[in-house]
Amino acid sequence: MRWLAFVVTLFQAVAPAYPQAARAPGNVPDLRGVYQAIPSGTALAGGRKNEGSPNDVALLPAAQQQMKTINLKGDPARLCQPVGPFRMMARDQTKIELVPAPGLIIMLFEDIAHGYMRTIHTARAHPEKLEPTWLGDAIGHWEGDTLIVDTAGFNDRTWLNERGAQHSDKLHLMERIRPILNGTYLEYKVTAEDPGVMAKPYTYTRYYEKLKTEVMDDVCEFPE
């Protein structure tokens, strides 16, 4: 059984444990489906296109100096480890599947080594004490047709970008996800702030096309 089939079956089994009242209201979009990031430089209707990159984050002077000391061979992306949502959602050709469940929205990545699997909780708040993880603790709520995702509690094993920029335990992401063009695309905007490292908050935008396919197994291989 492929990993995706196993995960979907698992969440279908545990879904009844979540309160039915936690379901999103019936008038919000159904995001379920498979989506793939469009190539940079591609323009959609209305001039929409990918903008920004994690590589453009402005760092404080001390963080800039720290970045210069980092051995790029230790990049989690090179080691087939999760890179964190801030980097992952900006990667070329990232493919995801969104699986709504009561109180949850699961985001599955075809590139499971680098993206792993995110659980966006829509039925609770952040706990008082966050246990640091690769992907952080993600809390979602709806504002009209837009899913707002507040994520915090990252461990120190992910980087802000491929240039070696590190983050602190204050890294905080605010993501805005909404369907556009009659649901044929997702607009994804994320703002990262980290007062311990970043000179100012940084926002980038990506567009994802909805596909009539499945996510497959994408095996990560270590470079020689």
Foldseek 3Di string as FASTA:
>chain_A
DFPVVVVVVVCVVCLVVADQVLDADPQADDLFFKWWFDDAPDADPPRDGWWDALVPFAWDPVLVVVLVPDDLCLAQLLVLAAQEPLHQVPDHGWMWGWDDGRQWIKIDTLSCSHHPIDIEGARDDDDPDAAADQHFHWYWDDDRHKIKIKGARHDFSHASDSSRRTADNQKIKIWIWGADPVNQKIKIKMWIDGVVITPGIDMIIIMIGGDPDDRHHDDDDNDD
